[in-house]
Amino acid sequence: MEARKPTRLPIAEADARERDEAELATAIALVARGTARRVIVAGLGNAESLAPEALANAQAAHVAFALDRDPVTGAIAIVIGPIAE
């Protein structure tokens, strides 16, 4: 009996921007549902271009939104939460 080779299924790969958008959407959902008080999302490819849409989504969910720039490296992190009062 011949050994069968496994069939490789295609892997869905999102581009970097889609992954970053999903990270931000998840962070907003975690805070909005009360699962997390605050989520810091760092290491995004281009946080500045993602910020406007993420801000609108955070405001719609009544969640605080802030950009935080590291003074040494200049890297930008997006801070989601706490729930806006």
C-alpha atoms as a PDB file:
ATOM      1  CA  MET A   1       0.000   0.000   0.000  1.00  0.00           C
ATOM      2  CA  GLU A   2       1.374   3.369  -1.030  1.00  0.00           C
ATOM      3  CA  ALA A   3       1.696   6.093   1.534  1.00  0.00           C
ATOM      4  CA  ARG A   4      -0.532   9.013   0.720  1.00  0.00           C
ATOM      5  CA  LYS A   5       0.867  12.480   0.714  1.00  0.00           C
ATOM      6  CA  PRO A   6      -1.100  15.033   2.703  1.00  0.00           C
ATOM      7  CA  THR A   7      -2.960  17.614   0.722  1.00  0.00           C
ATOM      8  CA  ARG A   8      -1.813  21.103   1.580  1.00  0.00           C
ATOM      9  CA  LEU A   9      -4.711  23.471   1.977  1.00  0.00           C
ATOM     10  CA  PRO A  10      -4.272  27.119   1.098  1.00  0.00           C
ATOM     11  CA  ILE A  11      -3.560  29.314   4.079  1.00  0.00           C
ATOM     12  CA  ALA A  12      -5.411  32.591   4.277  1.00  0.00           C
ATOM     13  CA  GLU A  13      -2.902  35.309   4.951  1.00  0.00           C
ATOM     14  CA  ALA A  14      -4.031  38.780   5.815  1.00  0.00           C
ATOM     15  CA  ASP A  15      -1.808  41.654   4.909  1.00  0.00           C
ATOM     16  CA  ALA A  16      -0.088  43.592   7.680  1.00  0.00           C
ATOM     17  CA  ARG A  17      -2.648  46.402   7.732  1.00  0.00           C
ATOM     18  CA  GLU A  18      -5.544  43.955   8.093  1.00  0.00           C
ATOM     19  CA  ARG A  19      -3.770  42.221  10.984  1.00  0.00           C
ATOM     20  CA  ASP A  20      -3.130  45.555  12.702  1.00  0.00           C
ATOM     21  CA  GLU A  21      -6.776  46.608  12.210  1.00  0.00           C
ATOM     22  CA  ALA A  22      -7.890  43.298  13.720  1.00  0.00           C
ATOM     23  CA  GLU A  23      -5.569  43.820  16.712  1.00  0.00           C
ATOM     24  CA  LEU A  24      -7.084  47.241  17.360  1.00  0.00           C
ATOM     25  CA  ALA A  25     -10.655  45.988  16.931  1.00  0.00           C
ATOM     26  CA  THR A  26      -9.937  43.193  19.397  1.00  0.00           C
ATOM     27  CA  ALA A  27      -8.425  45.605  21.910  1.00  0.00           C
ATOM     28  CA  ILE A  28     -11.480  47.860  21.676  1.00  0.00           C
ATOM     29  CA  ALA A  29     -13.830  44.892  22.110  1.00  0.00           C
ATOM     30  CA  LEU A  30     -11.910  43.620  25.160  1.00  0.00           C
ATOM     31  CA  VAL A  31     -12.191  46.972  26.905  1.00  0.00           C
ATOM     32  CA  ALA A  32     -15.778  47.657  25.822  1.00  0.00           C
ATOM     33  CA  ARG A  33     -16.924  44.275  27.177  1.00  0.00           C
ATOM     34  CA  GLY A  34     -15.090  44.805  30.452  1.00  0.00           C
ATOM     35  CA  THR A  35     -12.717  41.893  29.888  1.00  0.00           C
ATOM     36  CA  ALA A  36      -9.743  44.274  30.096  1.00  0.00           C
ATOM     37  CA  ARG A  37      -9.444  47.673  31.711  1.00  0.00           C
ATOM     38  CA  ARG A  38      -6.763  48.903  29.328  1.00  0.00           C
ATOM     39  CA  VAL A  39      -4.943  47.384  26.356  1.00  0.00           C
ATOM     40  CA  ILE A  40      -1.702  48.731  24.910  1.00  0.00           C
ATOM     41  CA  VAL A  41      -1.164  47.735  21.282  1.00  0.00           C
ATOM     42  CA  ALA A  42       2.468  48.130  20.230  1.00  0.00           C
ATOM     43  CA  GLY A  43       4.516  47.047  17.253  1.00  0.00           C
ATOM     44  CA  LEU A  44       2.002  48.115  14.630  1.00  0.00           C
ATOM     45  CA  GLY A  45       3.347  48.662  11.146  1.00  0.00           C
ATOM     46  CA  ASN A  46       2.010  52.198  10.771  1.00  0.00           C
ATOM     47  CA  ALA A  47       0.089  53.283  13.849  1.00  0.00           C
ATOM     48  CA  GLU A  48      -0.419  56.835  12.597  1.00  0.00           C
ATOM     49  CA  SER A  49      -2.366  55.716   9.529  1.00  0.00           C
ATOM     50  CA  LEU A  50      -4.507  53.358  11.611  1.00  0.00           C
ATOM     51  CA  ALA A  51      -5.258  55.903  14.332  1.00  0.00           C
ATOM     52  CA  PRO A  52      -8.185  57.809  12.746  1.00  0.00           C
ATOM     53  CA  GLU A  53     -10.314  54.728  12.126  1.00  0.00           C
ATOM     54  CA  ALA A  54      -9.366  53.187  15.465  1.00  0.00           C
ATOM     55  CA  LEU A  55     -10.254  56.444  17.231  1.00  0.00           C
ATOM     56  CA  ALA A  56     -13.686  56.492  15.584  1.00  0.00           C
ATOM     57  CA  ASN A  57     -14.277  52.857  16.568  1.00  0.00           C
ATOM     58  CA  ALA A  58     -13.157  53.515  20.143  1.00  0.00           C
ATOM     59  CA  GLN A  59     -15.428  56.546  20.419  1.00  0.00           C
ATOM     60  CA  ALA A  60     -18.364  54.530  19.087  1.00  0.00           C
ATOM     61  CA  ALA A  61     -17.679  51.913  21.782  1.00  0.00           C
ATOM     62  CA  HIS A  62     -17.305  54.627  24.472  1.00  0.00           C
ATOM     63  CA  VAL A  63     -13.710  53.611  25.110  1.00  0.00           C
ATOM     64  CA  ALA A  64     -10.769  55.970  25.671  1.00  0.00           C
ATOM     65  CA  PHE A  65      -8.104  56.162  22.963  1.00  0.00           C
ATOM     66  CA  ALA A  66      -4.588  57.609  23.096  1.00  0.00           C
ATOM     67  CA  LEU A  67      -1.341  57.487  21.168  1.00  0.00           C
ATOM     68  CA  ASP A  68       1.819  56.995  23.212  1.00  0.00           C
ATOM     69  CA  ARG A  69       5.230  57.698  21.690  1.00  0.00           C
ATOM     70  CA  ASP A  70       8.327  56.241  23.335  1.00  0.00           C
ATOM     71  CA  PRO A  71      10.694  59.182  23.931  1.00  0.00           C
ATOM     72  CA  VAL A  72      13.790  57.114  23.250  1.00  0.00           C
ATOM     73  CA  THR A  73      12.847  54.994  20.242  1.00  0.00           C
ATOM     74  CA  GLY A  74      10.006  57.074  18.830  1.00  0.00           C
ATOM     75  CA  ALA A  75       7.869  53.941  18.540  1.00  0.00           C
ATOM     76  CA  ILE A  76       4.142  54.560  18.772  1.00  0.00           C
ATOM     77  CA  ALA A  77       1.780  52.450  20.837  1.00  0.00           C
ATOM     78  CA  ILE A  78      -1.988  52.821  20.857  1.00  0.00           C
ATOM     79  CA  VAL A  79      -3.606  52.760  24.284  1.00  0.00           C
ATOM     80  CA  ILE A  80      -7.217  51.588  24.377  1.00  0.00           C
ATOM     81  CA  GLY A  81      -9.203  52.149  27.557  1.00  0.00           C
ATOM     82  CA  PRO A  82     -10.418  52.563  30.124  1.00  0.00           C
ATOM     83  CA  ILE A  83     -14.113  52.877  29.387  1.00  0.00           C
ATOM     84  CA  ALA A  84     -14.833  56.567  28.828  1.00  0.00           C
ATOM     85  CA  GLU A  85     -17.004  58.226  31.415  1.00  0.00           C
END
